[in-house]
Amino acid sequence: MEREELINRIVEEKGVEAVPVLLGLLVSEDGETAQICFDALLQMGKDVVPLLIEKIGSEEIDPVSRLYLVDLAGEIGDRRAVPHLYKILNEYDDEKSQIVIYEALARLGEGEKVVDVLALMLEENNDAELQDQLIMALSNTDSSVAVKALAGLYGNKMADKSTKSFALEGIHSILAKRHELKNYLLSLHNGKEIAERLYQWQKEI
C-alpha cells in the first residue's frame, strides 16, 4: 500500500480517535513510520492540537522526541501551542534544538519576537549545518531583521556557494509573503545585487 493511501486510510477510518496512537508512534518508531504518522496528524490539523500540547508537556517524552512534536505544532499552525513552546525552551541548552523551537514559534506568528535571537545566532555561527537550519528559521519570521541577516550572510566572503544560494531562497520566501520588504532589501548595501540575482533566479526556474 502506498504511503499516501495508508495515511488517508488512517485518517478516514479512525479520525481523531487515532491521534493518541499516532502521537505515540511519532516519538517511538523508526523514521519512515514516524513520517507517516507526522503526515497523518498534519492532515488532521487543529483537531490534533489539544492532545499534541498535552504530549509536548509530558515528562515521559525524551527531549529529542519532543522536538518532532514541536515541529508538528509549527506545521499545524495553531497558536494554542505558543505558550507551551516558550515554556520548554528552558529545557534545551544546545542551539540545534533551540532553533527547532524558534522556527516553530516563527511559524506560529511569533517571528518578530524570535527573529533577533536567530539573527544573532546566525551572525555568531560558522557551522554550515546550523547555518542552514537558521536560514530556514529566519525565512519563517517574515521580518525585515531576517532579510538583513540573510543579506549579510549572502555577502559574507567566508560563506560557501550552497549557503549563499540557500540564503537567497530564504530572502525570496520572505519577500513572497511580504512584498513591501523589497524596498527595505533595496536599501541595504548589497540589496540591489540580491534583487537582481533573485530576478535572474526566477527567470531560470
N, C-alpha and C. Protein backbone atom coordinates (compact mmCIF):
# COMPACT_ATOMS: atom_id res chain seq x y z
N MET A 1 0.85 -1.21 0.00
CA MET A 1 0.00 0.00 0.00
C MET A 1 0.89 1.26 0.00
N GLU A 2 0.59 2.21 -0.89
CA GLU A 2 1.34 3.45 -0.95
C GLU A 2 1.17 4.25 0.34
N ARG A 3 2.21 5.01 0.67
CA ARG A 3 2.17 5.76 1.93
C ARG A 3 0.98 6.69 2.00
N GLU A 4 0.70 7.39 0.89
CA GLU A 4 -0.42 8.32 0.87
C GLU A 4 -1.75 7.60 1.13
N GLU A 5 -1.88 6.40 0.55
CA GLU A 5 -3.09 5.62 0.77
C GLU A 5 -3.23 5.21 2.22
N LEU A 6 -2.08 4.84 2.82
CA LEU A 6 -2.10 4.42 4.22
C LEU A 6 -2.49 5.59 5.13
N ILE A 7 -1.95 6.76 4.83
CA ILE A 7 -2.28 7.95 5.62
C ILE A 7 -3.77 8.25 5.53
N ASN A 8 -4.29 8.23 4.30
CA ASN A 8 -5.71 8.51 4.10
C ASN A 8 -6.60 7.49 4.82
N ARG A 9 -6.16 6.25 4.80
CA ARG A 9 -6.95 5.21 5.46
C ARG A 9 -6.99 5.42 6.98
N ILE A 10 -5.83 5.76 7.54
CA ILE A 10 -5.77 6.03 8.98
C ILE A 10 -6.70 7.17 9.37
N VAL A 11 -6.64 8.25 8.60
CA VAL A 11 -7.44 9.44 8.90
C VAL A 11 -8.93 9.15 8.71
N GLU A 12 -9.27 8.50 7.61
CA GLU A 12 -10.68 8.27 7.29
C GLU A 12 -11.34 7.26 8.23
N GLU A 13 -10.62 6.19 8.57
CA GLU A 13 -11.22 5.12 9.37
C GLU A 13 -11.24 5.44 10.86
N LYS A 14 -10.19 6.09 11.34
CA LYS A 14 -10.07 6.32 12.79
C LYS A 14 -10.35 7.76 13.20
N GLY A 15 -9.98 8.70 12.33
CA GLY A 15 -10.17 10.11 12.67
C GLY A 15 -9.45 10.50 13.93
N VAL A 16 -10.08 11.34 14.74
CA VAL A 16 -9.47 11.87 15.96
C VAL A 16 -9.13 10.75 16.95
N GLU A 17 -9.85 9.66 16.90
CA GLU A 17 -9.60 8.54 17.81
C GLU A 17 -8.19 7.97 17.64
N ALA A 18 -7.61 8.17 16.47
CA ALA A 18 -6.27 7.63 16.21
C ALA A 18 -5.15 8.54 16.70
N VAL A 19 -5.49 9.76 17.12
CA VAL A 19 -4.46 10.74 17.49
C VAL A 19 -3.52 10.24 18.59
N PRO A 20 -4.01 9.71 19.72
CA PRO A 20 -3.08 9.26 20.77
C PRO A 20 -2.10 8.20 20.27
N VAL A 21 -2.59 7.26 19.48
CA VAL A 21 -1.73 6.21 18.95
C VAL A 21 -0.70 6.79 17.99
N LEU A 22 -1.15 7.68 17.10
CA LEU A 22 -0.25 8.28 16.12
C LEU A 22 0.83 9.12 16.79
N LEU A 23 0.46 9.86 17.83
CA LEU A 23 1.44 10.66 18.57
C LEU A 23 2.46 9.76 19.26
N GLY A 24 1.98 8.64 19.80
CA GLY A 24 2.88 7.69 20.45
C GLY A 24 3.87 7.09 19.47
N LEU A 25 3.38 6.72 18.29
CA LEU A 25 4.25 6.15 17.26
C LEU A 25 5.23 7.18 16.72
N LEU A 26 4.78 8.43 16.65
CA LEU A 26 5.62 9.51 16.12
C LEU A 26 6.92 9.64 16.91
N VAL A 27 6.84 9.44 18.22
CA VAL A 27 8.02 9.65 19.07
C VAL A 27 8.72 8.35 19.46
N SER A 28 8.24 7.21 18.93
CA SER A 28 8.84 5.95 19.38
C SER A 28 9.28 5.01 18.26
N GLU A 29 8.86 5.30 17.04
CA GLU A 29 9.14 4.37 15.95
C GLU A 29 10.24 4.88 15.02
N ASP A 30 10.58 4.05 14.02
CA ASP A 30 11.62 4.40 13.06
C ASP A 30 11.19 5.59 12.20
N GLY A 31 12.17 6.13 11.46
CA GLY A 31 11.94 7.35 10.71
C GLY A 31 10.80 7.28 9.72
N GLU A 32 10.69 6.18 8.97
CA GLU A 32 9.64 6.07 7.95
C GLU A 32 8.25 6.03 8.60
N THR A 33 8.12 5.24 9.66
CA THR A 33 6.83 5.15 10.36
C THR A 33 6.48 6.49 11.00
N ALA A 34 7.49 7.12 11.59
CA ALA A 34 7.27 8.43 12.23
C ALA A 34 6.79 9.45 11.20
N GLN A 35 7.36 9.41 9.99
CA GLN A 35 6.96 10.37 8.96
C GLN A 35 5.53 10.14 8.51
N ILE A 36 5.12 8.86 8.40
CA ILE A 36 3.74 8.53 8.05
C ILE A 36 2.79 9.10 9.10
N CYS A 37 3.15 8.90 10.36
CA CYS A 37 2.32 9.42 11.47
C CYS A 37 2.27 10.94 11.45
N PHE A 38 3.43 11.56 11.20
CA PHE A 38 3.51 13.02 11.14
C PHE A 38 2.56 13.54 10.07
N ASP A 39 2.60 12.93 8.88
CA ASP A 39 1.75 13.39 7.78
C ASP A 39 0.27 13.19 8.09
N ALA A 40 -0.05 12.07 8.74
CA ALA A 40 -1.44 11.80 9.10
C ALA A 40 -1.95 12.82 10.10
N LEU A 41 -1.13 13.11 11.11
CA LEU A 41 -1.50 14.09 12.13
C LEU A 41 -1.64 15.49 11.53
N LEU A 42 -0.73 15.82 10.64
CA LEU A 42 -0.78 17.13 9.98
C LEU A 42 -2.05 17.27 9.16
N GLN A 43 -2.46 16.20 8.52
CA GLN A 43 -3.68 16.21 7.72
C GLN A 43 -4.91 16.42 8.59
N MET A 44 -4.87 15.93 9.82
CA MET A 44 -6.00 16.12 10.74
C MET A 44 -6.09 17.56 11.24
N GLY A 45 -4.97 18.26 11.25
CA GLY A 45 -4.98 19.68 11.59
C GLY A 45 -5.28 20.00 13.03
N LYS A 46 -6.13 21.00 13.24
CA LYS A 46 -6.36 21.57 14.56
C LYS A 46 -6.98 20.59 15.56
N ASP A 47 -7.62 19.54 15.09
CA ASP A 47 -8.19 18.54 16.00
C ASP A 47 -7.11 17.84 16.82
N VAL A 48 -5.90 17.87 16.32
CA VAL A 48 -4.77 17.20 16.97
C VAL A 48 -4.23 18.02 18.15
N VAL A 49 -4.42 19.34 18.09
CA VAL A 49 -3.70 20.27 18.97
C VAL A 49 -3.85 20.01 20.47
N PRO A 50 -5.05 19.82 21.01
CA PRO A 50 -5.14 19.60 22.47
C PRO A 50 -4.29 18.44 22.97
N LEU A 51 -4.34 17.30 22.29
CA LEU A 51 -3.54 16.14 22.70
C LEU A 51 -2.06 16.37 22.41
N LEU A 52 -1.78 17.10 21.33
CA LEU A 52 -0.39 17.42 20.99
C LEU A 52 0.25 18.28 22.08
N ILE A 53 -0.48 19.28 22.55
CA ILE A 53 0.03 20.14 23.63
C ILE A 53 0.26 19.32 24.91
N GLU A 54 -0.65 18.43 25.19
CA GLU A 54 -0.51 17.57 26.37
C GLU A 54 0.74 16.70 26.25
N LYS A 55 0.97 16.17 25.06
CA LYS A 55 2.13 15.31 24.82
C LYS A 55 3.43 16.10 24.92
N ILE A 56 3.43 17.32 24.41
CA ILE A 56 4.64 18.17 24.46
C ILE A 56 5.06 18.41 25.90
N GLY A 57 4.07 18.56 26.79
CA GLY A 57 4.36 18.84 28.19
C GLY A 57 4.63 17.61 29.04
N SER A 58 4.49 16.43 28.45
CA SER A 58 4.66 15.20 29.20
C SER A 58 6.12 14.97 29.59
N GLU A 59 6.35 14.60 30.84
CA GLU A 59 7.71 14.32 31.31
C GLU A 59 8.20 12.96 30.84
N GLU A 60 7.30 12.17 30.26
CA GLU A 60 7.67 10.83 29.79
C GLU A 60 8.33 10.88 28.41
N ILE A 61 8.24 12.01 27.72
CA ILE A 61 8.81 12.14 26.39
C ILE A 61 10.26 12.59 26.50
N ASP A 62 11.16 11.91 25.82
CA ASP A 62 12.56 12.34 25.87
C ASP A 62 12.73 13.61 25.05
N PRO A 63 13.72 14.44 25.38
CA PRO A 63 13.88 15.76 24.75
C PRO A 63 13.99 15.72 23.23
N VAL A 64 14.68 14.72 22.70
CA VAL A 64 14.85 14.64 21.24
C VAL A 64 13.52 14.35 20.56
N SER A 65 12.78 13.40 21.09
CA SER A 65 11.47 13.05 20.51
C SER A 65 10.49 14.21 20.61
N ARG A 66 10.60 14.99 21.67
CA ARG A 66 9.69 16.12 21.85
C ARG A 66 9.83 17.11 20.70
N LEU A 67 11.00 17.18 20.11
CA LEU A 67 11.21 18.12 19.01
C LEU A 67 10.39 17.76 17.78
N TYR A 68 10.09 16.47 17.59
CA TYR A 68 9.18 16.07 16.50
C TYR A 68 7.79 16.67 16.73
N LEU A 69 7.39 16.67 17.99
CA LEU A 69 6.08 17.24 18.35
C LEU A 69 6.08 18.75 18.15
N VAL A 70 7.19 19.37 18.51
CA VAL A 70 7.33 20.82 18.34
C VAL A 70 7.22 21.18 16.85
N ASP A 71 7.91 20.41 16.03
CA ASP A 71 7.88 20.64 14.58
C ASP A 71 6.46 20.49 14.05
N LEU A 72 5.75 19.48 14.53
CA LEU A 72 4.36 19.26 14.13
C LEU A 72 3.48 20.44 14.53
N ALA A 73 3.69 20.94 15.74
CA ALA A 73 2.91 22.09 16.22
C ALA A 73 3.11 23.30 15.30
N GLY A 74 4.35 23.52 14.89
CA GLY A 74 4.64 24.63 13.99
C GLY A 74 3.98 24.45 12.64
N GLU A 75 3.99 23.22 12.13
CA GLU A 75 3.39 22.94 10.82
C GLU A 75 1.87 23.10 10.85
N ILE A 76 1.23 22.67 11.94
CA ILE A 76 -0.23 22.80 12.05
C ILE A 76 -0.63 24.26 12.13
N GLY A 77 0.16 25.05 12.88
CA GLY A 77 -0.06 26.49 12.89
C GLY A 77 -1.12 27.01 13.85
N ASP A 78 -1.47 26.23 14.86
CA ASP A 78 -2.46 26.66 15.85
C ASP A 78 -1.76 27.35 17.01
N ARG A 79 -2.12 28.62 17.25
CA ARG A 79 -1.41 29.42 18.25
C ARG A 79 -1.62 28.96 19.69
N ARG A 80 -2.50 28.02 19.93
CA ARG A 80 -2.66 27.50 21.28
C ARG A 80 -1.37 26.85 21.78
N ALA A 81 -0.50 26.47 20.87
CA ALA A 81 0.74 25.80 21.25
C ALA A 81 1.82 26.78 21.69
N VAL A 82 1.67 28.07 21.38
CA VAL A 82 2.73 29.06 21.61
C VAL A 82 3.27 29.07 23.04
N PRO A 83 2.44 29.27 24.08
CA PRO A 83 3.00 29.34 25.44
C PRO A 83 3.71 28.06 25.86
N HIS A 84 3.29 26.95 25.35
CA HIS A 84 3.90 25.66 25.70
C HIS A 84 5.28 25.52 25.07
N LEU A 85 5.47 26.09 23.89
CA LEU A 85 6.78 26.05 23.25
C LEU A 85 7.76 26.98 23.96
N TYR A 86 7.29 28.15 24.37
CA TYR A 86 8.16 29.05 25.14
C TYR A 86 8.58 28.38 26.45
N LYS A 87 7.67 27.65 27.05
CA LYS A 87 7.93 27.00 28.33
C LYS A 87 9.05 25.97 28.23
N ILE A 88 9.06 25.18 27.16
CA ILE A 88 10.07 24.12 27.07
C ILE A 88 11.42 24.61 26.53
N LEU A 89 11.50 25.85 26.08
CA LEU A 89 12.78 26.38 25.61
C LEU A 89 13.87 26.23 26.66
N ASN A 90 13.49 26.42 27.92
CA ASN A 90 14.47 26.35 29.01
C ASN A 90 15.05 24.96 29.22
N GLU A 91 14.42 23.96 28.62
CA GLU A 91 14.88 22.59 28.78
C GLU A 91 16.01 22.23 27.82
N TYR A 92 16.31 23.11 26.88
CA TYR A 92 17.30 22.81 25.85
C TYR A 92 18.47 23.79 25.91
N ASP A 93 19.68 23.24 26.01
CA ASP A 93 20.88 24.05 26.05
C ASP A 93 21.57 24.14 24.69
N ASP A 94 21.35 23.14 23.83
CA ASP A 94 22.04 23.13 22.54
C ASP A 94 21.30 23.96 21.51
N GLU A 95 22.07 24.65 20.69
CA GLU A 95 21.49 25.57 19.70
C GLU A 95 20.62 24.86 18.67
N LYS A 96 21.02 23.66 18.27
CA LYS A 96 20.27 22.93 17.24
C LYS A 96 18.83 22.70 17.68
N SER A 97 18.64 22.30 18.92
CA SER A 97 17.29 22.07 19.44
C SER A 97 16.53 23.37 19.61
N GLN A 98 17.23 24.40 20.10
CA GLN A 98 16.59 25.70 20.30
C GLN A 98 16.07 26.26 18.98
N ILE A 99 16.84 26.07 17.91
CA ILE A 99 16.43 26.59 16.61
C ILE A 99 15.15 25.93 16.13
N VAL A 100 15.00 24.62 16.40
CA VAL A 100 13.78 23.91 16.03
C VAL A 100 12.57 24.58 16.69
N ILE A 101 12.73 24.92 17.97
CA ILE A 101 11.63 25.54 18.72
C ILE A 101 11.38 26.96 18.22
N TYR A 102 12.44 27.71 17.99
CA TYR A 102 12.28 29.08 17.48
C TYR A 102 11.60 29.08 16.11
N GLU A 103 11.96 28.12 15.26
CA GLU A 103 11.33 28.06 13.94
C GLU A 103 9.84 27.75 14.06
N ALA A 104 9.50 26.83 14.96
CA ALA A 104 8.08 26.51 15.17
C ALA A 104 7.33 27.74 15.68
N LEU A 105 7.94 28.48 16.59
CA LEU A 105 7.32 29.70 17.10
C LEU A 105 7.14 30.73 15.98
N ALA A 106 8.13 30.83 15.10
CA ALA A 106 8.01 31.75 13.97
C ALA A 106 6.84 31.35 13.08
N ARG A 107 6.68 30.06 12.82
CA ARG A 107 5.56 29.58 12.01
C ARG A 107 4.22 29.88 12.69
N LEU A 108 4.25 29.99 14.01
CA LEU A 108 3.02 30.24 14.77
C LEU A 108 2.75 31.73 14.97
N GLY A 109 3.49 32.57 14.25
CA GLY A 109 3.23 34.01 14.29
C GLY A 109 4.07 34.80 15.27
N GLU A 110 5.11 34.16 15.84
CA GLU A 110 5.96 34.82 16.82
C GLU A 110 7.27 35.32 16.21
N GLY A 111 7.28 35.47 14.89
CA GLY A 111 8.50 35.83 14.18
C GLY A 111 9.22 37.05 14.72
N GLU A 112 8.48 38.13 14.95
CA GLU A 112 9.11 39.37 15.43
C GLU A 112 9.71 39.21 16.83
N LYS A 113 9.22 38.25 17.59
CA LYS A 113 9.72 38.04 18.95
C LYS A 113 10.97 37.16 19.00
N VAL A 114 11.15 36.34 17.97
CA VAL A 114 12.30 35.41 17.99
C VAL A 114 13.36 35.76 16.96
N VAL A 115 13.07 36.70 16.07
CA VAL A 115 13.99 36.97 14.96
C VAL A 115 15.33 37.53 15.43
N ASP A 116 15.34 38.35 16.48
CA ASP A 116 16.61 38.94 16.92
C ASP A 116 17.60 37.89 17.41
N VAL A 117 17.11 36.94 18.19
CA VAL A 117 18.00 35.89 18.70
C VAL A 117 18.47 34.99 17.57
N LEU A 118 17.61 34.72 16.59
CA LEU A 118 18.01 33.91 15.44
C LEU A 118 19.06 34.63 14.59
N ALA A 119 18.87 35.93 14.39
CA ALA A 119 19.84 36.73 13.62
C ALA A 119 21.19 36.75 14.32
N LEU A 120 21.18 36.86 15.64
CA LEU A 120 22.42 36.87 16.42
C LEU A 120 23.12 35.51 16.31
N MET A 121 22.35 34.44 16.41
CA MET A 121 22.91 33.09 16.30
C MET A 121 23.55 32.89 14.92
N LEU A 122 22.91 33.42 13.88
CA LEU A 122 23.45 33.30 12.52
C LEU A 122 24.76 34.06 12.40
N GLU A 123 24.79 35.24 12.98
CA GLU A 123 25.99 36.09 12.91
C GLU A 123 27.18 35.44 13.61
N GLU A 124 26.90 34.70 14.69
CA GLU A 124 27.98 34.15 15.52
C GLU A 124 28.32 32.70 15.16
N ASN A 125 27.64 32.12 14.18
CA ASN A 125 27.82 30.69 13.90
C ASN A 125 28.42 30.46 12.52
N ASN A 126 29.45 29.61 12.47
CA ASN A 126 30.09 29.27 11.20
C ASN A 126 29.84 27.82 10.78
N ASP A 127 29.08 27.09 11.60
CA ASP A 127 28.78 25.71 11.28
C ASP A 127 27.75 25.66 10.15
N ALA A 128 28.10 25.01 9.03
CA ALA A 128 27.25 25.02 7.84
C ALA A 128 25.87 24.42 8.11
N GLU A 129 25.82 23.33 8.89
CA GLU A 129 24.54 22.68 9.17
C GLU A 129 23.63 23.59 9.99
N LEU A 130 24.21 24.23 11.00
CA LEU A 130 23.42 25.15 11.82
C LEU A 130 23.00 26.38 11.03
N GLN A 131 23.88 26.84 10.15
CA GLN A 131 23.54 27.99 9.31
C GLN A 131 22.32 27.68 8.45
N ASP A 132 22.29 26.50 7.85
CA ASP A 132 21.13 26.11 7.04
C ASP A 132 19.86 26.07 7.87
N GLN A 133 19.99 25.55 9.08
CA GLN A 133 18.84 25.47 9.99
C GLN A 133 18.35 26.87 10.36
N LEU A 134 19.31 27.77 10.59
CA LEU A 134 18.97 29.15 10.96
C LEU A 134 18.34 29.90 9.78
N ILE A 135 18.82 29.63 8.57
CA ILE A 135 18.22 30.25 7.38
C ILE A 135 16.76 29.86 7.26
N MET A 136 16.48 28.58 7.48
CA MET A 136 15.09 28.10 7.42
C MET A 136 14.24 28.79 8.47
N ALA A 137 14.76 28.88 9.69
CA ALA A 137 14.00 29.50 10.78
C ALA A 137 13.76 30.98 10.48
N LEU A 138 14.80 31.68 10.04
CA LEU A 138 14.66 33.11 9.74
C LEU A 138 13.67 33.36 8.60
N SER A 139 13.65 32.46 7.62
CA SER A 139 12.75 32.66 6.48
C SER A 139 11.29 32.54 6.88
N ASN A 140 11.04 31.97 8.05
CA ASN A 140 9.66 31.86 8.55
C ASN A 140 9.25 33.01 9.47
N THR A 141 10.17 33.94 9.74
CA THR A 141 9.84 35.06 10.62
C THR A 141 9.14 36.19 9.88
N ASP A 142 9.30 36.23 8.54
CA ASP A 142 8.68 37.28 7.71
C ASP A 142 9.06 38.67 8.22
N SER A 143 10.32 38.83 8.60
CA SER A 143 10.76 40.06 9.24
C SER A 143 11.86 40.77 8.45
N SER A 144 11.89 42.09 8.55
CA SER A 144 12.96 42.87 7.92
C SER A 144 14.30 42.54 8.56
N VAL A 145 14.30 42.21 9.84
CA VAL A 145 15.54 41.82 10.53
C VAL A 145 16.12 40.57 9.89
N ALA A 146 15.25 39.65 9.52
CA ALA A 146 15.68 38.42 8.86
C ALA A 146 16.26 38.72 7.48
N VAL A 147 15.61 39.62 6.74
CA VAL A 147 16.11 40.00 5.42
C VAL A 147 17.53 40.55 5.54
N LYS A 148 17.74 41.41 6.52
CA LYS A 148 19.08 41.99 6.73
C LYS A 148 20.09 40.92 7.10
N ALA A 149 19.70 40.01 7.99
CA ALA A 149 20.61 38.95 8.43
C ALA A 149 20.99 38.03 7.27
N LEU A 150 20.01 37.68 6.45
CA LEU A 150 20.27 36.78 5.32
C LEU A 150 21.07 37.49 4.23
N ALA A 151 20.82 38.78 4.05
CA ALA A 151 21.60 39.56 3.08
C ALA A 151 23.05 39.65 3.55
N GLY A 152 23.24 39.76 4.87
CA GLY A 152 24.58 39.80 5.42
C GLY A 152 25.31 38.49 5.19
N LEU A 153 24.60 37.38 5.37
CA LEU A 153 25.21 36.07 5.12
C LEU A 153 25.56 35.91 3.65
N TYR A 154 24.66 36.37 2.78
CA TYR A 154 24.92 36.29 1.34
C TYR A 154 26.18 37.06 0.97
N GLY A 155 26.41 38.16 1.65
CA GLY A 155 27.58 38.99 1.35
C GLY A 155 28.84 38.57 2.08
N ASN A 156 28.75 37.54 2.90
CA ASN A 156 29.90 37.05 3.67
C ASN A 156 30.85 36.28 2.75
N LYS A 157 32.07 36.75 2.62
CA LYS A 157 33.04 36.12 1.73
C LYS A 157 33.41 34.70 2.19
N MET A 158 33.19 34.41 3.48
CA MET A 158 33.52 33.10 4.02
C MET A 158 32.43 32.06 3.75
N ALA A 159 31.24 32.52 3.37
CA ALA A 159 30.13 31.60 3.12
C ALA A 159 30.32 30.89 1.79
N ASP A 160 30.00 29.58 1.77
CA ASP A 160 30.16 28.84 0.52
C ASP A 160 28.97 29.10 -0.42
N LYS A 161 29.11 28.62 -1.65
CA LYS A 161 28.11 28.89 -2.68
C LYS A 161 26.74 28.33 -2.31
N SER A 162 26.73 27.13 -1.72
CA SER A 162 25.48 26.48 -1.33
C SER A 162 24.75 27.28 -0.27
N THR A 163 25.50 27.78 0.73
CA THR A 163 24.91 28.57 1.81
C THR A 163 24.34 29.87 1.26
N LYS A 164 25.07 30.51 0.35
CA LYS A 164 24.59 31.76 -0.24
C LYS A 164 23.31 31.54 -1.03
N SER A 165 23.27 30.44 -1.76
CA SER A 165 22.08 30.11 -2.54
C SER A 165 20.88 29.89 -1.62
N PHE A 166 21.12 29.22 -0.50
CA PHE A 166 20.05 28.95 0.46
C PHE A 166 19.58 30.26 1.11
N ALA A 167 20.54 31.17 1.36
CA ALA A 167 20.18 32.48 1.92
C ALA A 167 19.29 33.25 0.95
N LEU A 168 19.60 33.16 -0.34
CA LEU A 168 18.76 33.80 -1.36
C LEU A 168 17.35 33.23 -1.34
N GLU A 169 17.24 31.91 -1.21
CA GLU A 169 15.93 31.27 -1.13
C GLU A 169 15.15 31.78 0.08
N GLY A 170 15.87 31.96 1.19
CA GLY A 170 15.23 32.48 2.40
C GLY A 170 14.68 33.87 2.20
N ILE A 171 15.46 34.73 1.56
CA ILE A 171 15.02 36.10 1.27
C ILE A 171 13.82 36.07 0.34
N HIS A 172 13.89 35.23 -0.67
CA HIS A 172 12.77 35.10 -1.63
C HIS A 172 11.50 34.67 -0.91
N SER A 173 11.63 33.74 0.02
CA SER A 173 10.48 33.25 0.77
C SER A 173 9.82 34.36 1.57
N ILE A 174 10.64 35.20 2.18
CA ILE A 174 10.10 36.32 2.97
C ILE A 174 9.42 37.34 2.07
N LEU A 175 10.07 37.69 0.96
CA LEU A 175 9.50 38.70 0.05
C LEU A 175 8.21 38.21 -0.60
N ALA A 176 8.10 36.90 -0.79
CA ALA A 176 6.89 36.35 -1.39
C ALA A 176 5.68 36.56 -0.48
N LYS A 177 5.94 36.61 0.82
CA LYS A 177 4.86 36.81 1.79
C LYS A 177 4.70 38.28 2.18
N ARG A 178 5.79 39.02 2.09
CA ARG A 178 5.74 40.45 2.44
C ARG A 178 6.41 41.27 1.34
N HIS A 179 5.65 41.56 0.30
CA HIS A 179 6.19 42.25 -0.87
C HIS A 179 6.78 43.62 -0.53
N GLU A 180 6.23 44.25 0.51
CA GLU A 180 6.69 45.59 0.85
C GLU A 180 8.13 45.63 1.33
N LEU A 181 8.66 44.48 1.73
CA LEU A 181 10.04 44.42 2.21
C LEU A 181 11.07 44.49 1.08
N LYS A 182 10.59 44.47 -0.17
CA LYS A 182 11.53 44.60 -1.29
C LYS A 182 12.23 45.95 -1.24
N ASN A 183 11.50 46.99 -0.88
CA ASN A 183 12.11 48.32 -0.77
C ASN A 183 13.15 48.35 0.34
N TYR A 184 12.88 47.63 1.42
CA TYR A 184 13.86 47.54 2.51
C TYR A 184 15.12 46.82 2.01
N LEU A 185 14.92 45.72 1.29
CA LEU A 185 16.06 44.98 0.74
C LEU A 185 16.91 45.90 -0.14
N LEU A 186 16.26 46.69 -0.98
CA LEU A 186 17.00 47.58 -1.89
C LEU A 186 17.77 48.66 -1.15
N SER A 187 17.38 48.94 0.08
CA SER A 187 18.09 49.96 0.88
C SER A 187 19.38 49.42 1.50
N LEU A 188 19.56 48.10 1.50
CA LEU A 188 20.77 47.51 2.06
C LEU A 188 21.92 47.65 1.08
N HIS A 189 23.15 47.58 1.58
CA HIS A 189 24.31 47.87 0.73
C HIS A 189 24.46 46.89 -0.44
N ASN A 190 24.04 45.66 -0.24
CA ASN A 190 24.09 44.68 -1.34
C ASN A 190 22.69 44.27 -1.80
N GLY A 191 21.71 45.11 -1.46
CA GLY A 191 20.32 44.79 -1.77
C GLY A 191 20.03 44.72 -3.26
N LYS A 192 20.58 45.65 -4.03
CA LYS A 192 20.32 45.65 -5.47
C LYS A 192 20.92 44.41 -6.12
N GLU A 193 22.11 44.03 -5.67
CA GLU A 193 22.74 42.82 -6.20
C GLU A 193 21.87 41.59 -5.93
N ILE A 194 21.34 41.52 -4.72
CA ILE A 194 20.49 40.39 -4.34
C ILE A 194 19.20 40.39 -5.14
N ALA A 195 18.59 41.57 -5.28
CA ALA A 195 17.34 41.68 -6.04
C ALA A 195 17.55 41.23 -7.49
N GLU A 196 18.69 41.63 -8.08
CA GLU A 196 18.99 41.23 -9.45
C GLU A 196 19.21 39.72 -9.55
N ARG A 197 19.88 39.17 -8.55
CA ARG A 197 20.13 37.72 -8.54
C ARG A 197 18.81 36.95 -8.41
N LEU A 198 17.92 37.48 -7.56
CA LEU A 198 16.61 36.84 -7.39
C LEU A 198 15.81 36.91 -8.68
N TYR A 199 15.92 38.02 -9.39
CA TYR A 199 15.21 38.18 -10.66
C TYR A 199 15.71 37.17 -11.70
N GLN A 200 17.03 37.04 -11.77
CA GLN A 200 17.62 36.07 -12.70
C GLN A 200 17.26 34.66 -12.32
N TRP A 201 17.26 34.39 -11.02
CA TRP A 201 16.93 33.06 -10.50
C TRP A 201 15.51 32.67 -10.88
N GLN A 202 14.58 33.63 -10.75
CA GLN A 202 13.18 33.35 -11.09
C GLN A 202 13.01 33.09 -12.58
N LYS A 203 13.80 33.79 -13.40
CA LYS A 203 13.74 33.59 -14.85
C LYS A 203 14.23 32.20 -15.24
N GLU A 204 15.17 31.66 -14.43
CA GLU A 204 15.77 30.36 -14.73
C GLU A 204 14.85 29.22 -14.32
N ILE A 205 13.94 29.49 -13.36
CA ILE A 205 13.06 28.42 -12.86
C ILE A 205 12.04 28.01 -13.92
